[in-house]
Amino acid sequence: MLSFAEDADLLHFKFAFGEDLDFADNSAFARPTYKGQIENFLIENVMGSRVTRREVLAVAFWTMADKITFDEELCIQLSQP
């Protein structure tokens, strides 16, 4: 996830990657396969210091039963020393 401090930077970024990424407010969500392209873009456009980078993990479930199983297993794993 990328968070942009400047609206102009976000707009420039959207023009470059808009069709391929998801955006919300001042943030862009990119798949890891875009990491190299994005870093090059930020360096070339001298945006690096105005963009905050965060790693985000997302999990998709096919059914609610899958989610419940995941939550139960996660709870068991977190409670063990």
PDB file of N, CA and C in Angstrom:
ATOM      1  N   MET A   1       0.848  -1.166   0.000  1.00  0.00           N
ATOM      2  CA  MET A   1       0.000   0.000   0.000  1.00  0.00           C
ATOM      3  C   MET A   1       0.892   1.227   0.000  1.00  0.00           C
ATOM      4  N   LEU A   2       0.516   2.197  -0.781  1.00  0.00           N
ATOM      5  CA  LEU A   2       1.241   3.457  -0.864  1.00  0.00           C
ATOM      6  C   LEU A   2       0.316   4.577  -0.414  1.00  0.00           C
ATOM      7  N   SER A   3       0.793   5.444   0.475  1.00  0.00           N
ATOM      8  CA  SER A   3       0.025   6.607   0.901  1.00  0.00           C
ATOM      9  C   SER A   3       0.754   7.855   0.423  1.00  0.00           C
ATOM     10  N   PHE A   4       0.032   8.740  -0.223  1.00  0.00           N
ATOM     11  CA  PHE A   4       0.614   9.935  -0.820  1.00  0.00           C
ATOM     12  C   PHE A   4       0.328  11.164   0.029  1.00  0.00           C
ATOM     13  N   ALA A   5       1.361  11.935   0.328  1.00  0.00           N
ATOM     14  CA  ALA A   5       1.221  13.156   1.110  1.00  0.00           C
ATOM     15  C   ALA A   5       0.711  14.310   0.248  1.00  0.00           C
ATOM     16  N   GLU A   6       1.029  14.288  -1.035  1.00  0.00           N
ATOM     17  CA  GLU A   6       0.659  15.372  -1.947  1.00  0.00           C
ATOM     18  C   GLU A   6      -0.382  14.889  -2.959  1.00  0.00           C
ATOM     19  N   ASP A   7      -1.457  15.649  -3.121  1.00  0.00           N
ATOM     20  CA  ASP A   7      -2.499  15.292  -4.093  1.00  0.00           C
ATOM     21  C   ASP A   7      -1.945  15.248  -5.516  1.00  0.00           C
ATOM     22  N   ALA A   8      -1.031  16.158  -5.844  1.00  0.00           N
ATOM     23  CA  ALA A   8      -0.447  16.180  -7.190  1.00  0.00           C
ATOM     24  C   ALA A   8       0.320  14.887  -7.476  1.00  0.00           C
ATOM     25  N   ASP A   9       1.024  14.357  -6.470  1.00  0.00           N
ATOM     26  CA  ASP A   9       1.747  13.093  -6.642  1.00  0.00           C
ATOM     27  C   ASP A   9       0.774  11.943  -6.880  1.00  0.00           C
ATOM     28  N   LEU A  10      -0.302  11.930  -6.116  1.00  0.00           N
ATOM     29  CA  LEU A  10      -1.310  10.882  -6.271  1.00  0.00           C
ATOM     30  C   LEU A  10      -1.929  10.935  -7.668  1.00  0.00           C
ATOM     31  N   LEU A  11      -2.247  12.119  -8.141  1.00  0.00           N
ATOM     32  CA  LEU A  11      -2.839  12.269  -9.464  1.00  0.00           C
ATOM     33  C   LEU A  11      -1.877  11.794 -10.555  1.00  0.00           C
ATOM     34  N   HIS A  12      -0.615  12.188 -10.448  1.00  0.00           N
ATOM     35  CA  HIS A  12       0.406  11.756 -11.407  1.00  0.00           C
ATOM     36  C   HIS A  12       0.523  10.226 -11.388  1.00  0.00           C
ATOM     37  N   PHE A  13       0.514   9.645 -10.200  1.00  0.00           N
ATOM     38  CA  PHE A  13       0.597   8.193 -10.038  1.00  0.00           C
ATOM     39  C   PHE A  13      -0.623   7.506 -10.654  1.00  0.00           C
ATOM     40  N   LYS A  14      -1.811   8.088 -10.442  1.00  0.00           N
ATOM     41  CA  LYS A  14      -3.043   7.513 -11.010  1.00  0.00           C
ATOM     42  C   LYS A  14      -3.000   7.515 -12.529  1.00  0.00           C
ATOM     43  N   PHE A  15      -2.468   8.593 -13.119  1.00  0.00           N
ATOM     44  CA  PHE A  15      -2.357   8.634 -14.584  1.00  0.00           C
ATOM     45  C   PHE A  15      -1.430   7.544 -15.093  1.00  0.00           C
ATOM     46  N   ALA A  16      -0.398   7.226 -14.333  1.00  0.00           N
ATOM     47  CA  ALA A  16       0.571   6.220 -14.761  1.00  0.00           C
ATOM     48  C   ALA A  16       0.071   4.793 -14.535  1.00  0.00           C
ATOM     49  N   PHE A  17      -0.619   4.539 -13.426  1.00  0.00           N
ATOM     50  CA  PHE A  17      -0.983   3.171 -13.042  1.00  0.00           C
ATOM     51  C   PHE A  17      -2.472   2.955 -12.819  1.00  0.00           C
ATOM     52  N   GLY A  18      -3.291   3.952 -13.032  1.00  0.00           N
ATOM     53  CA  GLY A  18      -4.703   3.918 -12.662  1.00  0.00           C
ATOM     54  C   GLY A  18      -5.498   2.698 -13.063  1.00  0.00           C
ATOM     55  N   GLU A  19      -5.267   2.169 -14.234  1.00  0.00           N
ATOM     56  CA  GLU A  19      -6.041   1.022 -14.698  1.00  0.00           C
ATOM     57  C   GLU A  19      -5.650  -0.276 -13.999  1.00  0.00           C
ATOM     58  N   ASP A  20      -4.438  -0.335 -13.486  1.00  0.00           N
ATOM     59  CA  ASP A  20      -3.905  -1.585 -12.940  1.00  0.00           C
ATOM     60  C   ASP A  20      -3.998  -1.702 -11.419  1.00  0.00           C
ATOM     61  N   LEU A  21      -4.240  -0.591 -10.721  1.00  0.00           N
ATOM     62  CA  LEU A  21      -4.221  -0.596  -9.258  1.00  0.00           C
ATOM     63  C   LEU A  21      -5.577  -0.174  -8.699  1.00  0.00           C
ATOM     64  N   ASP A  22      -5.747  -0.404  -7.401  1.00  0.00           N
ATOM     65  CA  ASP A  22      -6.943   0.042  -6.694  1.00  0.00           C
ATOM     66  C   ASP A  22      -6.576   1.248  -5.839  1.00  0.00           C
ATOM     67  N   PHE A  23      -7.490   2.215  -5.766  1.00  0.00           N
ATOM     68  CA  PHE A  23      -7.235   3.441  -5.022  1.00  0.00           C
ATOM     69  C   PHE A  23      -8.346   3.689  -4.016  1.00  0.00           C
ATOM     70  N   ALA A  24      -7.973   4.263  -2.873  1.00  0.00           N
ATOM     71  CA  ALA A  24      -8.928   4.685  -1.857  1.00  0.00           C
ATOM     72  C   ALA A  24      -8.332   5.893  -1.140  1.00  0.00           C
ATOM     73  N   ASP A  25      -9.077   6.984  -1.144  1.00  0.00           N
ATOM     74  CA  ASP A  25      -8.612   8.237  -0.547  1.00  0.00           C
ATOM     75  C   ASP A  25      -7.242   8.606  -1.110  1.00  0.00           C
ATOM     76  N   ASN A  26      -6.235   8.727  -0.247  1.00  0.00           N
ATOM     77  CA  ASN A  26      -4.887   9.106  -0.710  1.00  0.00           C
ATOM     78  C   ASN A  26      -3.963   7.895  -0.812  1.00  0.00           C
ATOM     79  N   SER A  27      -4.536   6.705  -0.952  1.00  0.00           N
ATOM     80  CA  SER A  27      -3.736   5.483  -0.975  1.00  0.00           C
ATOM     81  C   SER A  27      -3.948   4.686  -2.257  1.00  0.00           C
ATOM     82  N   ALA A  28      -2.909   3.929  -2.612  1.00  0.00           N
ATOM     83  CA  ALA A  28      -2.970   3.028  -3.757  1.00  0.00           C
ATOM     84  C   ALA A  28      -2.599   1.633  -3.273  1.00  0.00           C
ATOM     85  N   PHE A  29      -3.311   0.643  -3.778  1.00  0.00           N
ATOM     86  CA  PHE A  29      -3.056  -0.741  -3.414  1.00  0.00           C
ATOM     87  C   PHE A  29      -2.534  -1.468  -4.653  1.00  0.00           C
ATOM     88  N   ALA A  30      -1.323  -2.023  -4.532  1.00  0.00           N
ATOM     89  CA  ALA A  30      -0.676  -2.657  -5.680  1.00  0.00           C
ATOM     90  C   ALA A  30      -0.279  -4.087  -5.342  1.00  0.00           C
ATOM     91  N   ARG A  31      -0.343  -4.944  -6.345  1.00  0.00           N
ATOM     92  CA  ARG A  31       0.142  -6.312  -6.180  1.00  0.00           C
ATOM     93  C   ARG A  31       1.670  -6.295  -6.151  1.00  0.00           C
ATOM     94  N   PRO A  32       2.271  -7.263  -5.486  1.00  0.00           N
ATOM     95  CA  PRO A  32       3.734  -7.314  -5.407  1.00  0.00           C
ATOM     96  C   PRO A  32       4.427  -7.331  -6.770  1.00  0.00           C
ATOM     97  N   THR A  33       3.752  -7.813  -7.792  1.00  0.00           N
ATOM     98  CA  THR A  33       4.371  -7.868  -9.121  1.00  0.00           C
ATOM     99  C   THR A  33       4.671  -6.482  -9.684  1.00  0.00           C
ATOM    100  N   TYR A  34       4.043  -5.453  -9.157  1.00  0.00           N
ATOM    101  CA  TYR A  34       4.266  -4.078  -9.616  1.00  0.00           C
ATOM    102  C   TYR A  34       5.353  -3.351  -8.829  1.00  0.00           C
ATOM    103  N   LYS A  35       5.904  -3.984  -7.816  1.00  0.00           N
ATOM    104  CA  LYS A  35       6.832  -3.301  -6.909  1.00  0.00           C
ATOM    105  C   LYS A  35       7.992  -2.628  -7.643  1.00  0.00           C
ATOM    106  N   GLY A  36       8.643  -3.325  -8.538  1.00  0.00           N
ATOM    107  CA  GLY A  36       9.770  -2.759  -9.271  1.00  0.00           C
ATOM    108  C   GLY A  36       9.367  -1.565 -10.118  1.00  0.00           C
ATOM    109  N   GLN A  37       8.265  -1.693 -10.850  1.00  0.00           N
ATOM    110  CA  GLN A  37       7.777  -0.597 -11.683  1.00  0.00           C
ATOM    111  C   GLN A  37       7.437   0.630 -10.843  1.00  0.00           C
ATOM    112  N   ILE A  38       6.798   0.390  -9.720  1.00  0.00           N
ATOM    113  CA  ILE A  38       6.395   1.497  -8.854  1.00  0.00           C
ATOM    114  C   ILE A  38       7.616   2.188  -8.260  1.00  0.00           C
ATOM    115  N   GLU A  39       8.572   1.427  -7.763  1.00  0.00           N
ATOM    116  CA  GLU A  39       9.780   2.031  -7.192  1.00  0.00           C
ATOM    117  C   GLU A  39      10.511   2.867  -8.236  1.00  0.00           C
ATOM    118  N   ASN A  40      10.621   2.344  -9.456  1.00  0.00           N
ATOM    119  CA  ASN A  40      11.269   3.105 -10.527  1.00  0.00           C
ATOM    120  C   ASN A  40      10.515   4.403 -10.812  1.00  0.00           C
ATOM    121  N   PHE A  41       9.201   4.327 -10.850  1.00  0.00           N
ATOM    122  CA  PHE A  41       8.382   5.511 -11.090  1.00  0.00           C
ATOM    123  C   PHE A  41       8.602   6.556  -9.998  1.00  0.00           C
ATOM    124  N   LEU A  42       8.600   6.112  -8.734  1.00  0.00           N
ATOM    125  CA  LEU A  42       8.783   7.049  -7.619  1.00  0.00           C
ATOM    126  C   LEU A  42      10.167   7.694  -7.654  1.00  0.00           C
ATOM    127  N   ILE A  43      11.177   6.923  -8.011  1.00  0.00           N
ATOM    128  CA  ILE A  43      12.540   7.461  -8.102  1.00  0.00           C
ATOM    129  C   ILE A  43      12.643   8.459  -9.257  1.00  0.00           C
ATOM    130  N   GLU A  44      12.146   8.070 -10.421  1.00  0.00           N
ATOM    131  CA  GLU A  44      12.223   8.932 -11.605  1.00  0.00           C
ATOM    132  C   GLU A  44      11.490  10.254 -11.407  1.00  0.00           C
ATOM    133  N   ASN A  45      10.432  10.232 -10.621  1.00  0.00           N
ATOM    134  CA  ASN A  45       9.626  11.433 -10.413  1.00  0.00           C
ATOM    135  C   ASN A  45       9.885  12.098  -9.063  1.00  0.00           C
ATOM    136  N   VAL A  46      10.935  11.684  -8.393  1.00  0.00           N
ATOM    137  CA  VAL A  46      11.394  12.256  -7.121  1.00  0.00           C
ATOM    138  C   VAL A  46      10.244  12.372  -6.111  1.00  0.00           C
ATOM    139  N   MET A  47       9.504  11.287  -5.959  1.00  0.00           N
ATOM    140  CA  MET A  47       8.386  11.252  -5.016  1.00  0.00           C
ATOM    141  C   MET A  47       8.692  10.434  -3.770  1.00  0.00           C
ATOM    142  N   GLY A  48       9.792   9.741  -3.773  1.00  0.00           N
ATOM    143  CA  GLY A  48      10.077   8.771  -2.725  1.00  0.00           C
ATOM    144  C   GLY A  48       9.872   9.246  -1.303  1.00  0.00           C
ATOM    145  N   SER A  49      10.298  10.453  -0.985  1.00  0.00           N
ATOM    146  CA  SER A  49      10.199  10.936   0.391  1.00  0.00           C
ATOM    147  C   SER A  49       8.780  11.370   0.759  1.00  0.00           C
ATOM    148  N   ARG A  50       7.902  11.537  -0.233  1.00  0.00           N
ATOM    149  CA  ARG A  50       6.530  11.975   0.030  1.00  0.00           C
ATOM    150  C   ARG A  50       5.522  10.834  -0.015  1.00  0.00           C
ATOM    151  N   VAL A  51       6.032   9.615  -0.164  1.00  0.00           N
ATOM    152  CA  VAL A  51       5.154   8.438  -0.248  1.00  0.00           C
ATOM    153  C   VAL A  51       5.514   7.465   0.868  1.00  0.00           C
ATOM    154  N   THR A  52       4.512   7.049   1.618  1.00  0.00           N
ATOM    155  CA  THR A  52       4.705   6.069   2.682  1.00  0.00           C
ATOM    156  C   THR A  52       4.337   4.696   2.127  1.00  0.00           C
ATOM    157  N   ARG A  53       5.225   3.732   2.328  1.00  0.00           N
ATOM    158  CA  ARG A  53       4.993   2.374   1.841  1.00  0.00           C
ATOM    159  C   ARG A  53       4.673   1.461   3.021  1.00  0.00           C
ATOM    160  N   ARG A  54       3.651   0.622   2.847  1.00  0.00           N
ATOM    161  CA  ARG A  54       3.280  -0.349   3.872  1.00  0.00           C
ATOM    162  C   ARG A  54       2.992  -1.682   3.208  1.00  0.00           C
ATOM    163  N   GLU A  55       3.337  -2.751   3.897  1.00  0.00           N
ATOM    164  CA  GLU A  55       3.001  -4.091   3.425  1.00  0.00           C
ATOM    165  C   GLU A  55       1.632  -4.449   3.984  1.00  0.00           C
ATOM    166  N   VAL A  56       0.766  -4.972   3.147  1.00  0.00           N
ATOM    167  CA  VAL A  56      -0.580  -5.343   3.555  1.00  0.00           C
ATOM    168  C   VAL A  56      -0.821  -6.794   3.141  1.00  0.00           C
ATOM    169  N   LEU A  57      -1.390  -7.568   4.044  1.00  0.00           N
ATOM    170  CA  LEU A  57      -1.748  -8.953   3.742  1.00  0.00           C
ATOM    171  C   LEU A  57      -3.264  -9.049   3.677  1.00  0.00           C
ATOM    172  N   ALA A  58      -3.760  -9.608   2.612  1.00  0.00           N
ATOM    173  CA  ALA A  58      -5.200  -9.786   2.457  1.00  0.00           C
ATOM    174  C   ALA A  58      -5.502 -11.268   2.272  1.00  0.00           C
ATOM    175  N   VAL A  59      -6.622 -11.693   2.821  1.00  0.00           N
ATOM    176  CA  VAL A  59      -7.053 -13.077   2.690  1.00  0.00           C
ATOM    177  C   VAL A  59      -8.476 -13.077   2.148  1.00  0.00           C
ATOM    178  N   ALA A  60      -8.693 -13.843   1.093  1.00  0.00           N
ATOM    179  CA  ALA A  60     -10.037 -13.973   0.519  1.00  0.00           C
ATOM    180  C   ALA A  60     -10.577 -15.360   0.844  1.00  0.00           C
ATOM    181  N   PHE A  61     -11.851 -15.429   1.148  1.00  0.00           N
ATOM    182  CA  PHE A  61     -12.487 -16.694   1.509  1.00  0.00           C
ATOM    183  C   PHE A  61     -13.558 -17.032   0.489  1.00  0.00           C
ATOM    184  N   TRP A  62     -13.688 -18.323   0.192  1.00  0.00           N
ATOM    185  CA  TRP A  62     -14.723 -18.766  -0.735  1.00  0.00           C
ATOM    186  C   TRP A  62     -16.090 -18.736  -0.073  1.00  0.00           C
ATOM    187  N   THR A  63     -16.129 -19.164   1.191  1.00  0.00           N
ATOM    188  CA  THR A  63     -17.408 -19.214   1.898  1.00  0.00           C
ATOM    189  C   THR A  63     -17.217 -18.726   3.334  1.00  0.00           C
ATOM    190  N   MET A  64     -18.321 -18.492   4.002  1.00  0.00           N
ATOM    191  CA  MET A  64     -18.264 -18.079   5.404  1.00  0.00           C
ATOM    192  C   MET A  64     -17.678 -19.208   6.254  1.00  0.00           C
ATOM    193  N   ALA A  65     -17.911 -20.448   5.880  1.00  0.00           N
ATOM    194  CA  ALA A  65     -17.345 -21.585   6.621  1.00  0.00           C
ATOM    195  C   ALA A  65     -15.813 -21.548   6.574  1.00  0.00           C
ATOM    196  N   ASP A  66     -15.247 -21.160   5.421  1.00  0.00           N
ATOM    197  CA  ASP A  66     -13.794 -21.027   5.312  1.00  0.00           C
ATOM    198  C   ASP A  66     -13.278 -19.949   6.257  1.00  0.00           C
ATOM    199  N   LYS A  67     -13.999 -18.832   6.337  1.00  0.00           N
ATOM    200  CA  LYS A  67     -13.592 -17.739   7.215  1.00  0.00           C
ATOM    201  C   LYS A  67     -13.635 -18.181   8.673  1.00  0.00           C
ATOM    202  N   ILE A  68     -14.688 -18.879   9.045  1.00  0.00           N
ATOM    203  CA  ILE A  68     -14.818 -19.351  10.429  1.00  0.00           C
ATOM    204  C   ILE A  68     -13.676 -20.306  10.772  1.00  0.00           C
ATOM    205  N   THR A  69     -13.357 -21.210   9.871  1.00  0.00           N
ATOM    206  CA  THR A  69     -12.246 -22.139  10.091  1.00  0.00           C
ATOM    207  C   THR A  69     -10.940 -21.390  10.238  1.00  0.00           C
ATOM    208  N   PHE A  70     -10.709 -20.424   9.378  1.00  0.00           N
ATOM    209  CA  PHE A  70      -9.490 -19.615   9.456  1.00  0.00           C
ATOM    210  C   PHE A  70      -9.406 -18.895  10.796  1.00  0.00           C
ATOM    211  N   ASP A  71     -10.501 -18.243  11.192  1.00  0.00           N
ATOM    212  CA  ASP A  71     -10.519 -17.516  12.465  1.00  0.00           C
ATOM    213  C   ASP A  71     -10.256 -18.445  13.648  1.00  0.00           C
ATOM    214  N   GLU A  72     -10.857 -19.637  13.625  1.00  0.00           N
ATOM    215  CA  GLU A  72     -10.652 -20.594  14.714  1.00  0.00           C
ATOM    216  C   GLU A  72      -9.197 -21.047  14.768  1.00  0.00           C
ATOM    217  N   GLU A  73      -8.599 -21.358  13.621  1.00  0.00           N
ATOM    218  CA  GLU A  73      -7.202 -21.799  13.582  1.00  0.00           C
ATOM    219  C   GLU A  73      -6.262 -20.676  14.015  1.00  0.00           C
ATOM    220  N   LEU A  74      -6.548 -19.456  13.574  1.00  0.00           N
ATOM    221  CA  LEU A  74      -5.720 -18.310  13.941  1.00  0.00           C
ATOM    222  C   LEU A  74      -5.783 -18.086  15.454  1.00  0.00           C
ATOM    223  N   CYS A  75      -6.951 -18.187  16.023  1.00  0.00           N
ATOM    224  CA  CYS A  75      -7.107 -18.010  17.463  1.00  0.00           C
ATOM    225  C   CYS A  75      -6.320 -19.069  18.227  1.00  0.00           C
ATOM    226  N   ILE A  76      -6.370 -20.313  17.771  1.00  0.00           N
ATOM    227  CA  ILE A  76      -5.624 -21.392  18.424  1.00  0.00           C
ATOM    228  C   ILE A  76      -4.126 -21.120  18.313  1.00  0.00           C
ATOM    229  N   GLN A  77      -3.657 -20.711  17.140  1.00  0.00           N
ATOM    230  CA  GLN A  77      -2.221 -20.445  16.935  1.00  0.00           C
ATOM    231  C   GLN A  77      -1.755 -19.291  17.805  1.00  0.00           C
ATOM    232  N   LEU A  78      -2.551 -18.236  17.930  1.00  0.00           N
ATOM    233  CA  LEU A  78      -2.142 -17.072  18.708  1.00  0.00           C
ATOM    234  C   LEU A  78      -2.148 -17.335  20.210  1.00  0.00           C
ATOM    235  N   SER A  79      -2.975 -18.280  20.655  1.00  0.00           N
ATOM    236  CA  SER A  79      -3.058 -18.559  22.092  1.00  0.00           C
ATOM    237  C   SER A  79      -1.978 -19.511  22.580  1.00  0.00           C
ATOM    238  N   GLN A  80      -1.300 -20.197  21.647  1.00  0.00           N
ATOM    239  CA  GLN A  80      -0.231 -21.129  22.048  1.00  0.00           C
ATOM    240  C   GLN A  80       1.086 -20.364  22.232  1.00  0.00           C
ATOM    241  N   PRO A  81       1.870 -20.741  23.273  1.00  0.00           N
ATOM    242  CA  PRO A  81       3.157 -20.056  23.498  1.00  0.00           C
ATOM    243  C   PRO A  81       4.192 -20.356  22.455  1.00  0.00           C
TER     244      PRO A  81
END
